[in-house]
């Protein structure tokens, strides 16, 4: 018996040493293309590059005409096809949409999302799509959206930024945006303001649970299923994080839903547009729907969680990268300022931001689109793809250039294209314009900004910045008598001769926005 134990230990040790040798060879390999090892597939290369997976995937895509198959370990049988090729994206998400369903494995990986719109196919997905589209197209929804955003800007964002700028301290702008987006989406969905965007920066368990969930989902997709199952069995690692986050999110959503259902039951009058609340409308529409489980409360919870994730994480991430790129490209900041003041002057000197027609802020729209189009492949965007150029999105006659969704899938493409795209741009423009008008943002010197391993492209270490009021910046600027001619936004900024090279990963969206394509390889 002792001899058998000895042999077993020796066997495990030999496997461990062999794996270390494989990792060493993968680390020393000069070629970007990962070795397809017997039994292990591409896993060793994935582990070696775990600290830079987005950039690593981008390098591989660039060397393979935008499409590559990552081989999984033999025991998992889940090879992954990843693509940045617009024609492939168009084929999968639009032309042959019905041939590429989410599928069972996708739903198992993202099981926390339940029967929500991002995790279903067929009749359930069609019900979500139809219901949400009708609600978002309601004549009253646009007014509700703008009121919620502006109220949070005036009562939350500006007071917090004012306080922090007076303290002259470093702040994590990504944390600010996450809190702002969380409050606004909660107010829209639940008619409830958790007030995470406040001077005390209170710890809100649900808000943090959303971040934990996004990171675990990423590793669930990357790592073999056996790893996930072992962690679930032992309640350790990422699966322990997900389990804890799941409980927190359920408690948050079910508690609020119960409150709103009580309020709805007390209503005696018929639903009227002037009293439009998205929370009430959702409760009415999902009242008699049970999803795959037959449980209406569970189905409603799934729908709300999907909307919560869509409204919080994506907007905050987009704003974080936008201001990072803006701080690296002060000439773009100057042009946005010019546009803002030009539009304000059209209102006869009006200084109320609510008077601005945000649809006319063409340059700001171009800058936001450029920040979102982070699939920086030469084959798609040309030889200057690594430059931050809002002009890429503006025509010669000053109109917005609408790129096909299969080239610009930040809001997905085809039948699953994001219903909240216009809603997102409204929030992005209001927040970005408000901050740019009132403050100049400087990056903290030496702070490392890198993407985190998450299904949402967040910043691993946050976005540390300092804020300077425009009233103080203007002391070092000159105003041309004939119009707004803004000089350098800060005396600290140098080398304003051209665009800054984009230091962000190139093809992150093939992980976060496109279909997970195991079905392609299983057929």
Protein backbone atom coordinates (compact mmCIF):
# COMPACT_ATOMS: atom_id res chain seq x y z
CA UNK A 1 0.00 0.00 0.00
CA UNK A 2 2.81 2.37 0.89
CA UNK A 3 4.49 1.62 -2.42
CA UNK A 4 1.29 2.54 -4.34
CA UNK A 5 1.03 5.82 -2.46
CA UNK A 6 4.66 6.53 -3.30
CA UNK A 7 4.00 5.83 -7.01
CA UNK A 8 0.92 8.07 -6.95
CA UNK A 9 2.87 10.94 -5.39
CA UNK A 10 5.67 10.42 -7.89
CA UNK A 11 3.12 10.48 -10.71
CA UNK A 12 1.61 13.76 -9.49
CA UNK A 13 5.09 15.25 -9.08
CA UNK A 14 6.07 14.26 -12.61
CA UNK A 15 2.89 15.88 -13.98
CA UNK A 16 3.61 19.06 -12.01
CA UNK A 17 7.22 19.23 -13.24
CA UNK A 18 6.11 18.56 -16.82
CA UNK A 19 3.56 21.36 -16.57
CA UNK A 20 6.22 23.76 -15.28
CA UNK A 21 8.45 22.83 -18.22
CA UNK A 22 5.57 23.49 -20.63
CA UNK A 23 4.94 26.89 -19.02
CA UNK A 24 8.63 27.76 -19.28
CA UNK A 25 8.72 26.85 -22.97
CA UNK A 26 5.55 28.86 -23.59
CA UNK A 27 7.07 31.86 -21.81
CA UNK A 28 10.29 31.70 -23.82
CA UNK A 29 8.53 31.23 -27.16
CA UNK A 30 9.17 34.12 -29.56
CA UNK A 31 6.12 33.62 -31.74
CA UNK A 32 2.83 35.18 -30.68
CA UNK A 33 0.85 32.13 -31.80
CA UNK A 34 0.34 29.73 -28.86
CA UNK A 35 1.59 26.14 -29.06
CA UNK A 36 -1.19 23.56 -29.27
CA UNK A 37 0.14 21.14 -26.64
CA UNK A 38 -1.07 17.53 -26.46
CA UNK A 39 -3.77 17.23 -23.79
CA UNK A 40 -3.29 20.86 -22.68
CA UNK A 41 -4.13 22.76 -25.87
CA UNK A 42 -3.55 26.54 -25.61
CA UNK A 43 -3.97 26.60 -21.83
CA UNK A 44 -0.24 27.08 -20.96
CA UNK A 45 -0.01 30.18 -23.16
CA UNK A 46 -3.19 31.53 -21.58
CA UNK A 47 -1.73 31.09 -18.09
CA UNK A 48 1.60 32.70 -19.07
CA UNK A 49 -0.27 35.74 -20.46
CA UNK A 50 -2.93 35.88 -17.75
CA UNK A 51 -1.75 39.36 -16.73
CA UNK A 52 -2.37 40.76 -20.25
CA UNK A 53 -5.05 38.61 -21.82
CA UNK A 54 -6.73 41.43 -23.78
CA UNK A 55 -3.46 42.56 -25.35
CA UNK A 56 -2.37 38.98 -25.92
CA UNK A 57 -5.59 38.16 -27.75
CA UNK A 58 -5.18 41.32 -29.82
CA UNK A 59 -1.67 40.32 -30.88
CA UNK A 60 -2.91 36.88 -31.95
CA UNK A 61 -5.84 38.34 -33.90
CA UNK A 62 -3.51 40.74 -35.74
CA UNK A 63 -1.28 37.86 -36.85
CA UNK A 64 -4.18 35.70 -38.10
CA UNK A 65 -6.33 38.01 -40.23
CA UNK A 66 -8.57 38.72 -37.26
CA UNK A 67 -9.72 35.15 -36.49
CA UNK A 68 -8.19 32.41 -34.34
CA UNK A 69 -9.24 29.15 -32.66
CA UNK A 70 -7.99 28.71 -29.10
CA UNK A 71 -7.57 25.00 -28.39
CA UNK A 72 -8.82 23.90 -24.99
CA UNK A 73 -7.50 20.98 -22.92
CA UNK A 74 -8.56 17.60 -24.28
CA UNK A 75 -10.81 16.80 -21.31
CA UNK A 76 -12.97 19.92 -21.73
CA UNK A 77 -13.79 19.79 -25.47
CA UNK A 78 -14.60 23.52 -25.56
CA UNK A 79 -12.44 25.10 -28.25
CA UNK A 80 -13.07 28.81 -28.64
CA UNK A 81 -13.31 30.67 -31.91
CA UNK A 82 -12.51 34.37 -31.48
CA UNK A 83 -12.82 36.93 -34.25
CA UNK A 84 -12.41 40.62 -35.01
CA UNK A 85 -13.03 40.23 -38.73
CA UNK A 86 -16.01 42.44 -39.70
CA UNK A 87 -17.25 39.96 -42.32
CA UNK A 88 -17.20 37.15 -39.73
CA UNK A 89 -18.95 39.36 -37.19
CA UNK A 90 -21.60 40.25 -39.76
CA UNK A 91 -22.05 36.59 -40.67
CA UNK A 92 -22.46 35.47 -37.06
CA UNK A 93 -24.45 38.32 -35.53
CA UNK A 94 -26.59 39.38 -38.49
CA UNK A 95 -26.78 37.29 -41.67
CA UNK A 96 -26.91 33.90 -39.94
CA UNK A 97 -28.10 34.95 -36.50
CA UNK A 98 -30.41 31.95 -36.05
CA UNK A 99 -27.50 29.52 -36.56
CA UNK A 100 -25.57 30.91 -33.57
CA UNK A 101 -27.76 30.74 -30.45
CA UNK A 102 -26.43 31.31 -26.96
CA UNK A 103 -26.68 27.62 -26.29
CA UNK A 104 -26.52 25.47 -23.16
CA UNK A 105 -22.83 26.04 -22.36
CA UNK A 106 -23.17 29.80 -22.59
CA UNK A 107 -26.10 29.74 -20.18
CA UNK A 108 -24.16 27.52 -17.77
CA UNK A 109 -21.24 29.96 -17.71
CA UNK A 110 -23.51 32.97 -17.22
CA UNK A 111 -26.05 31.16 -15.03
CA UNK A 112 -26.29 34.07 -12.61
CA UNK A 113 -28.10 36.00 -15.36
CA UNK A 114 -30.82 33.35 -15.45
CA UNK A 115 -33.52 33.87 -18.08
CA UNK A 116 -32.54 37.47 -18.78
CA UNK A 117 -32.37 38.87 -22.32
CA UNK A 118 -28.60 38.45 -22.65
CA UNK A 119 -28.73 34.77 -21.67
CA UNK A 120 -31.71 33.38 -23.60
CA UNK A 121 -32.77 32.36 -27.10
CA UNK A 122 -36.04 31.75 -28.89
CA UNK A 123 -39.39 32.81 -27.42
CA UNK A 124 -37.99 34.05 -24.10
CA UNK A 125 -35.50 36.30 -25.84
CA UNK A 126 -38.18 37.60 -28.22
CA UNK A 127 -40.43 38.42 -25.27
CA UNK A 128 -37.66 40.39 -23.53
CA UNK A 129 -36.74 42.20 -26.73
CA UNK A 130 -40.30 43.16 -27.60
CA UNK A 131 -41.21 44.24 -24.07
CA UNK A 132 -38.11 46.31 -23.38
CA UNK A 133 -38.25 47.95 -26.82
CA UNK A 134 -41.84 49.10 -26.24
CA UNK A 135 -40.99 50.55 -22.83
CA UNK A 136 -37.87 52.38 -24.02
CA UNK A 137 -39.77 53.84 -26.96
CA UNK A 138 -42.50 55.21 -24.71
CA UNK A 139 -42.86 58.98 -25.23
CA UNK A 140 -42.40 59.47 -21.49
CA UNK A 141 -39.23 57.42 -21.14
CA UNK A 142 -36.94 60.01 -22.78
CA UNK A 143 -38.06 62.70 -20.35
CA UNK A 144 -37.70 60.33 -17.40
CA UNK A 145 -34.19 59.38 -18.50
CA UNK A 146 -32.95 62.96 -18.81
CA UNK A 147 -34.56 63.98 -15.51
CA UNK A 148 -32.89 61.08 -13.68
CA UNK A 149 -29.47 61.82 -15.20
CA UNK A 150 -29.61 65.57 -14.60
CA UNK A 151 -30.89 65.19 -11.04
CA UNK A 152 -27.99 62.85 -10.23
CA UNK A 153 -25.50 65.20 -11.93
CA UNK A 154 -26.73 68.18 -9.91
CA UNK A 155 -27.35 66.45 -6.59
CA UNK A 156 -24.56 63.88 -6.67
CA UNK A 157 -21.80 64.21 -9.26
CA UNK A 158 -21.10 67.96 -9.15
CA UNK A 159 -21.20 68.29 -5.32
CA UNK A 160 -18.81 65.34 -4.95
CA UNK A 161 -16.39 66.67 -7.59
CA UNK A 162 -16.57 70.15 -6.06
CA UNK A 163 -15.68 68.78 -2.63
CA UNK A 164 -12.83 66.61 -3.93
CA UNK A 165 -11.32 69.41 -6.04
CA UNK A 166 -11.31 71.73 -3.03
CA UNK A 167 -9.50 69.06 -1.00
CA UNK A 168 -6.85 68.83 -3.76
CA UNK A 169 -6.67 65.05 -3.38
CA UNK A 170 -6.24 62.22 -5.83
CA UNK A 171 -9.52 60.55 -6.76
CA UNK A 172 -10.46 57.33 -8.53
CA UNK A 173 -12.61 58.60 -11.38
CA UNK A 174 -13.63 55.07 -12.35
CA UNK A 175 -15.12 54.58 -8.88
CA UNK A 176 -16.99 57.87 -9.26
CA UNK A 177 -18.45 56.78 -12.61
CA UNK A 178 -19.43 53.34 -11.30
CA UNK A 179 -21.30 54.92 -8.40
CA UNK A 180 -22.97 57.47 -10.65
CA UNK A 181 -24.08 54.83 -13.17
CA UNK A 182 -25.29 52.52 -10.41
CA UNK A 183 -27.45 55.24 -8.86
CA UNK A 184 -28.96 56.31 -12.17
CA UNK A 185 -29.82 52.81 -13.39
CA UNK A 186 -31.31 51.93 -9.99
CA UNK A 187 -33.44 55.07 -10.09
CA UNK A 188 -34.62 54.20 -13.60
CA UNK A 189 -35.30 50.50 -12.96
CA UNK A 190 -36.53 50.55 -9.37
CA UNK A 191 -37.40 54.19 -8.72
CA UNK A 192 -34.90 53.81 -5.87
CA UNK A 193 -31.74 55.85 -5.31
CA UNK A 194 -29.11 53.92 -3.29
CA UNK A 195 -27.10 57.17 -2.96
CA UNK A 196 -23.73 55.54 -3.51
CA UNK A 197 -22.68 58.80 -5.23
CA UNK A 198 -22.24 60.78 -2.01
CA UNK A 199 -19.52 62.63 -0.11
CA UNK A 200 -18.88 59.73 2.26
CA UNK A 201 -18.43 57.23 -0.62
CA UNK A 202 -20.46 54.67 1.31
CA UNK A 203 -19.83 50.97 0.73
CA UNK A 204 -22.78 49.54 -1.20
CA UNK A 205 -22.59 45.71 -1.27
CA UNK A 206 -24.70 45.33 -4.42
CA UNK A 207 -22.60 47.83 -6.37
CA UNK A 208 -19.40 45.94 -5.55
CA UNK A 209 -21.05 42.57 -6.19
CA UNK A 210 -21.64 43.60 -9.81
CA UNK A 211 -17.90 44.10 -10.29
CA UNK A 212 -17.11 40.74 -8.69
CA UNK A 213 -19.62 39.04 -10.97
CA UNK A 214 -18.11 40.53 -14.15
CA UNK A 215 -14.61 39.34 -13.24
CA UNK A 216 -15.68 35.81 -12.34
CA UNK A 217 -17.67 35.49 -15.59
CA UNK A 218 -14.50 36.31 -17.53
CA UNK A 219 -12.47 33.55 -15.86
CA UNK A 220 -15.35 31.10 -16.18
CA UNK A 221 -15.21 31.54 -19.92
CA UNK A 222 -11.39 31.34 -20.11
CA UNK A 223 -10.63 28.47 -17.77
CA UNK A 224 -11.59 24.77 -18.20
CA UNK A 225 -14.94 23.66 -16.77
CA UNK A 226 -13.22 21.19 -14.44
CA UNK A 227 -11.55 24.08 -12.62
CA UNK A 228 -14.92 25.74 -12.12
CA UNK A 229 -16.50 22.53 -10.85
CA UNK A 230 -13.67 21.93 -8.37
CA UNK A 231 -13.95 25.47 -7.02
CA UNK A 232 -17.72 25.05 -6.68
CA UNK A 233 -17.26 21.80 -4.80
CA UNK A 234 -14.70 23.25 -2.39
CA UNK A 235 -16.33 26.74 -2.27
CA UNK A 236 -13.05 28.50 -2.97
CA UNK A 237 -11.62 31.04 -5.40
CA UNK A 238 -13.76 32.70 -8.05
CA UNK A 239 -16.74 30.42 -7.45
CA UNK A 240 -16.84 31.47 -3.79
CA UNK A 241 -16.79 35.12 -4.93
CA UNK A 242 -19.63 34.49 -7.37
CA UNK A 243 -21.71 32.66 -4.78
CA UNK A 244 -21.37 35.58 -2.35
CA UNK A 245 -22.13 38.14 -5.07
CA UNK A 246 -25.17 36.13 -6.18
CA UNK A 247 -26.68 36.23 -2.68
CA UNK A 248 -26.09 39.97 -2.36
CA UNK A 249 -27.64 40.73 -5.76
CA UNK A 250 -30.66 38.52 -5.08
CA UNK A 251 -31.29 40.14 -1.72
CA UNK A 252 -31.03 43.63 -3.24
CA UNK A 253 -33.35 42.94 -6.18
CA UNK A 254 -35.96 40.80 -4.39
CA UNK A 255 -36.26 43.30 -1.53
CA UNK A 256 -36.91 46.22 -3.86
CA UNK A 257 -39.25 44.20 -6.10
CA UNK A 258 -41.35 43.24 -3.06
CA UNK A 259 -41.62 46.91 -2.08
CA UNK A 260 -42.62 47.95 -5.59
CA UNK A 261 -45.18 45.16 -5.87
CA UNK A 262 -46.80 46.36 -2.63
CA UNK A 263 -46.92 49.89 -4.03
CA UNK A 264 -48.42 48.64 -7.28
CA UNK A 265 -51.10 46.68 -5.45
CA UNK A 266 -52.14 49.82 -3.61
CA UNK A 267 -52.68 51.79 -6.79
CA UNK A 268 -56.36 52.33 -7.43
CA UNK A 269 -56.20 54.30 -10.68
CA UNK A 270 -55.30 53.21 -14.17
CA UNK A 271 -51.76 53.62 -15.51
CA UNK A 272 -51.21 57.07 -17.04
CA UNK A 273 -48.30 58.34 -19.10
CA UNK A 274 -47.78 61.44 -17.00
CA UNK A 275 -47.02 59.19 -14.01
CA UNK A 276 -44.71 56.94 -16.01
CA UNK A 277 -42.27 54.91 -13.96
CA UNK A 278 -40.16 52.22 -15.59
CA UNK A 279 -40.30 50.13 -12.41
CA UNK A 280 -44.09 50.05 -12.46
CA UNK A 281 -44.21 49.36 -16.21
CA UNK A 282 -41.79 46.42 -15.85
CA UNK A 283 -43.81 44.91 -13.01
CA UNK A 284 -46.97 45.09 -15.10
CA UNK A 285 -45.41 43.61 -18.24
CA UNK A 286 -43.67 40.71 -16.46
CA UNK A 287 -46.49 39.98 -14.03
CA UNK A 288 -47.77 36.77 -15.63
CA UNK A 289 -44.50 35.53 -17.15
CA UNK A 290 -42.63 32.64 -15.54
CA UNK A 291 -39.69 31.97 -17.85
CA UNK A 292 -38.16 28.50 -17.97
CA UNK A 293 -38.75 27.91 -14.24
CA UNK A 294 -42.40 28.96 -14.17
CA UNK A 295 -41.61 31.40 -11.34
CA UNK A 296 -42.70 35.00 -12.18
CA UNK A 297 -40.60 36.53 -9.40
CA UNK A 298 -37.48 34.69 -10.59
CA UNK A 299 -38.13 35.71 -14.21
CA UNK A 300 -38.56 39.35 -13.20
CA UNK A 301 -35.39 39.16 -11.10
CA UNK A 302 -33.46 37.83 -14.12
CA UNK A 303 -34.75 40.61 -16.36
CA UNK A 304 -33.87 43.31 -13.83
CA UNK A 305 -30.38 41.95 -13.17
CA UNK A 306 -29.61 41.93 -16.90
CA UNK A 307 -30.80 45.53 -17.21
CA UNK A 308 -28.84 46.50 -14.10
CA UNK A 309 -25.60 45.10 -15.52
CA UNK A 310 -26.21 46.69 -18.93
CA UNK A 311 -26.91 50.11 -17.42
CA UNK A 312 -24.15 50.25 -14.82
CA UNK A 313 -20.98 48.57 -16.02
CA UNK A 314 -20.85 49.56 -19.67
CA UNK A 315 -21.47 53.29 -19.14
CA UNK A 316 -18.98 53.65 -16.30
CA UNK A 317 -16.31 51.77 -18.25
CA UNK A 318 -16.84 53.92 -21.35
CA UNK A 319 -16.55 57.15 -19.34
CA UNK A 320 -13.39 55.96 -17.59
CA UNK A 321 -11.54 55.15 -20.82
CA UNK A 322 -12.86 58.32 -22.46
CA UNK A 323 -11.40 60.58 -19.78
CA UNK A 324 -8.16 58.61 -19.74
CA UNK A 325 -7.76 59.17 -23.48
CA UNK A 326 -8.87 62.78 -23.15
CA UNK A 327 -6.17 63.43 -20.56
CA UNK A 328 -3.64 61.94 -22.97
CA UNK A 329 -4.94 64.07 -25.84
CA UNK A 330 -5.39 67.68 -24.63
CA UNK A 331 -5.98 68.97 -28.15
CA UNK A 332 -9.18 66.91 -28.26
CA UNK A 333 -10.19 68.38 -24.92
CA UNK A 334 -9.73 71.91 -26.30
CA UNK A 335 -11.93 71.18 -29.31
CA UNK A 336 -14.71 69.79 -27.12
CA UNK A 337 -14.53 72.93 -24.99
CA UNK A 338 -14.83 75.08 -28.10
CA UNK A 339 -17.89 73.14 -29.19
CA UNK A 340 -19.54 73.42 -25.77
CA UNK A 341 -19.07 77.18 -25.55
CA UNK A 342 -20.17 77.63 -29.13
CA UNK A 343 -23.43 75.82 -28.42
CA UNK A 344 -23.95 77.80 -25.21
CA UNK A 345 -23.44 81.08 -27.07
CA UNK A 346 -26.18 80.09 -29.51
CA UNK A 347 -28.55 80.18 -26.56
CA UNK A 348 -27.84 83.95 -26.19
CA UNK A 349 -25.25 83.43 -23.51
CA UNK A 350 -27.27 80.84 -21.61
CA UNK A 351 -25.13 78.95 -19.07
CA UNK A 352 -27.68 76.30 -18.18
CA UNK A 353 -26.40 73.01 -19.56
CA UNK A 354 -29.94 71.72 -19.90
CA UNK A 355 -30.39 74.26 -22.70
CA UNK A 356 -27.74 72.56 -24.85
CA UNK A 357 -28.97 70.36 -27.70
CA UNK A 358 -26.62 67.44 -27.14
CA UNK A 359 -27.38 65.95 -30.54
CA UNK A 360 -25.53 68.93 -32.02
CA UNK A 361 -22.30 68.16 -30.14
CA UNK A 362 -20.79 66.43 -33.14
CA UNK A 363 -17.16 66.51 -32.02
CA UNK A 364 -18.03 65.16 -28.56
CA UNK A 365 -19.99 62.34 -30.20
CA UNK A 366 -16.98 61.56 -32.39
CA UNK A 367 -14.64 61.52 -29.40
CA UNK A 368 -16.92 59.16 -27.47
CA UNK A 369 -17.26 56.87 -30.48
CA UNK A 370 -13.49 56.82 -30.91
CA UNK A 371 -13.07 55.82 -27.26
CA UNK A 372 -15.62 53.04 -27.70
CA UNK A 373 -14.14 51.69 -30.94
CA UNK A 374 -11.24 49.96 -29.25
CA UNK A 375 -10.93 47.17 -31.77
CA UNK A 376 -7.74 48.84 -32.95
CA UNK A 377 -6.88 46.67 -35.94
CA UNK A 378 -5.13 48.11 -39.01
CA UNK A 379 -7.27 45.92 -41.22
CA UNK A 380 -10.37 47.71 -39.89
CA UNK A 381 -9.34 51.28 -39.06
CA UNK A 382 -6.28 51.82 -41.23
CA UNK A 383 -2.62 52.58 -40.54
CA UNK A 384 -3.49 55.32 -38.02
CA UNK A 385 -5.64 52.94 -35.97
CA UNK A 386 -3.61 53.54 -32.79
CA UNK A 387 -4.19 57.29 -32.85
CA UNK A 388 -7.05 58.86 -30.94
CA UNK A 389 -8.86 60.74 -33.73
CA UNK A 390 -12.47 61.85 -33.23
CA UNK A 391 -12.26 63.23 -36.77
CA UNK A 392 -12.50 59.61 -37.92
CA UNK A 393 -16.22 59.83 -37.09
CA UNK A 394 -16.95 63.22 -38.68
CA UNK A 395 -17.62 63.79 -42.39
CA UNK A 396 -16.24 66.65 -44.47
CA UNK A 397 -19.56 68.51 -44.17
CA UNK A 398 -19.54 68.15 -40.35
CA UNK A 399 -21.95 65.26 -39.94
CA UNK A 400 -21.54 62.12 -37.82
CA UNK A 401 -20.28 59.12 -39.79
CA UNK A 402 -22.34 56.04 -38.93
CA UNK A 403 -20.12 52.97 -39.11
CA UNK A 404 -21.72 49.55 -39.68
CA UNK A 405 -22.34 47.73 -36.42
CA UNK A 406 -20.21 44.77 -37.54
CA UNK A 407 -17.23 47.16 -37.69
CA UNK A 408 -18.22 48.96 -34.49
CA UNK A 409 -19.88 46.31 -32.26
CA UNK A 410 -19.58 48.23 -29.00
CA UNK A 411 -23.39 48.01 -28.88
CA UNK A 412 -23.47 44.51 -30.40
CA UNK A 413 -24.89 43.95 -33.88
CA UNK A 414 -27.79 42.33 -35.69
CA UNK A 415 -30.99 41.29 -33.87
CA UNK A 416 -29.22 41.52 -30.50
CA UNK A 417 -28.06 45.10 -31.03
CA UNK A 418 -28.32 47.16 -27.85
CA UNK A 419 -31.74 48.77 -27.34
CA UNK A 420 -30.18 51.26 -24.94
CA UNK A 421 -27.64 52.70 -27.38
CA UNK A 422 -29.28 56.13 -27.58
CA UNK A 423 -29.86 56.07 -23.84
CA UNK A 424 -26.16 55.36 -23.29
CA UNK A 425 -25.01 58.18 -25.57
CA UNK A 426 -27.35 60.58 -23.78
CA UNK A 427 -25.80 59.75 -20.42
CA UNK A 428 -22.24 59.74 -21.79
CA UNK A 429 -22.68 63.16 -23.38
CA UNK A 430 -24.30 64.79 -20.36
CA UNK A 431 -21.68 63.52 -17.91
CA UNK A 432 -18.70 64.14 -20.20
CA UNK A 433 -19.82 67.65 -21.17
CA UNK A 434 -20.56 68.59 -17.56
CA UNK A 435 -17.14 67.53 -16.29
CA UNK A 436 -15.20 69.01 -19.23
CA UNK A 437 -17.00 72.33 -18.84
CA UNK A 438 -16.30 72.58 -15.10
CA UNK A 439 -12.96 70.78 -14.66
CA UNK A 440 -9.66 69.89 -16.23
CA UNK A 441 -8.64 66.30 -15.48
CA UNK A 442 -4.97 65.38 -14.97
CA UNK A 443 -3.75 61.81 -14.65
CA UNK A 444 -1.77 61.05 -11.51
CA UNK A 445 1.85 60.66 -12.54
CA UNK A 446 3.12 57.10 -12.25
CA UNK A 447 -0.35 55.57 -11.90
CA UNK A 448 -0.54 52.40 -14.01
CA UNK A 449 -3.70 52.16 -16.11
CA UNK A 450 -4.26 48.65 -17.48
CA UNK A 451 -7.41 46.69 -18.32
CA UNK A 452 -8.72 44.20 -15.82
CA UNK A 453 -9.63 40.64 -16.72
CA UNK A 454 -13.37 41.09 -16.87
CA UNK A 455 -16.19 40.72 -19.39
CA UNK A 456 -16.45 44.51 -19.09
CA UNK A 457 -13.27 46.41 -19.99
CA UNK A 458 -12.63 48.02 -16.62
CA UNK A 459 -9.38 49.48 -15.34
CA UNK A 460 -7.59 47.11 -13.00
CA UNK A 461 -6.17 49.82 -10.74
CA UNK A 462 -8.87 52.40 -11.28
CA UNK A 463 -8.33 55.83 -12.85
CA UNK A 464 -6.43 58.05 -10.40
CA UNK A 465 -6.69 61.74 -11.32
CA UNK A 466 -6.63 65.24 -9.91
CA UNK A 467 -9.20 67.90 -10.77
CA UNK A 468 -8.63 71.58 -11.50
CA UNK A 469 -11.55 74.00 -11.80
CA UNK A 470 -11.88 75.72 -15.14
CA UNK A 471 -12.01 79.06 -13.36
CA UNK A 472 -8.46 78.40 -12.14
CA UNK A 473 -7.26 77.00 -15.46
CA UNK A 474 -8.48 80.10 -17.30
CA UNK A 475 -5.84 82.22 -15.57
CA UNK A 476 -3.33 80.64 -17.93
CA UNK A 477 -5.51 80.86 -21.02
CA UNK A 478 -6.41 83.55 -23.52
CA UNK A 479 -9.77 84.25 -25.01
CA UNK A 480 -9.95 85.62 -28.55
CA UNK A 481 -12.31 88.59 -28.78
CA UNK A 482 -13.93 87.25 -31.95
CA UNK A 483 -14.91 83.91 -30.46
CA UNK A 484 -13.83 81.05 -28.27
CA UNK A 485 -10.24 80.17 -29.04
CA UNK A 486 -9.07 78.02 -26.18
CA UNK A 487 -5.35 77.79 -25.51
CA UNK A 488 -3.76 74.84 -23.64
CA UNK A 489 -6.18 73.63 -20.99
CA UNK A 490 -3.45 73.58 -18.37
CA UNK A 491 -0.03 75.10 -18.03
CA UNK A 492 1.17 71.65 -17.01
CA UNK A 493 0.39 70.15 -20.44
CA UNK A 494 3.19 70.00 -22.97
CA UNK A 495 3.82 68.53 -26.43
CA UNK A 496 0.44 69.36 -27.93
CA UNK A 497 1.56 68.69 -31.49
CA UNK A 498 -0.58 65.68 -32.30
CA UNK A 499 -2.65 62.73 -31.16
CA UNK A 500 -1.43 60.38 -28.49
CA UNK A 501 -0.93 56.72 -29.34
CA UNK A 502 -3.68 54.61 -27.82
CA UNK A 503 -2.30 52.50 -24.96
CA UNK A 504 -5.45 50.41 -24.75
CA UNK A 505 -6.05 46.83 -25.91
CA UNK A 506 -7.28 46.25 -29.39
CA UNK A 507 -9.89 43.55 -29.58
CA UNK A 508 -11.44 43.35 -26.14
CA UNK A 509 -14.91 43.39 -27.61
CA UNK A 510 -14.59 39.92 -29.08
CA UNK A 511 -14.76 38.70 -25.48
CA UNK A 512 -17.27 41.13 -24.04
CA UNK A 513 -19.68 41.86 -26.88
CA UNK A 514 -19.68 39.01 -29.39
CA UNK A 515 -21.33 35.61 -29.15
CA UNK A 516 -19.42 32.89 -27.34
CA UNK A 517 -18.89 30.55 -30.24
CA UNK A 518 -18.57 27.02 -28.93
CA UNK A 519 -21.53 25.98 -31.15
CA UNK A 520 -19.43 26.76 -34.24
CA UNK A 521 -16.78 24.25 -33.25
CA UNK A 522 -19.10 21.58 -31.92
CA UNK A 523 -20.98 21.12 -35.21
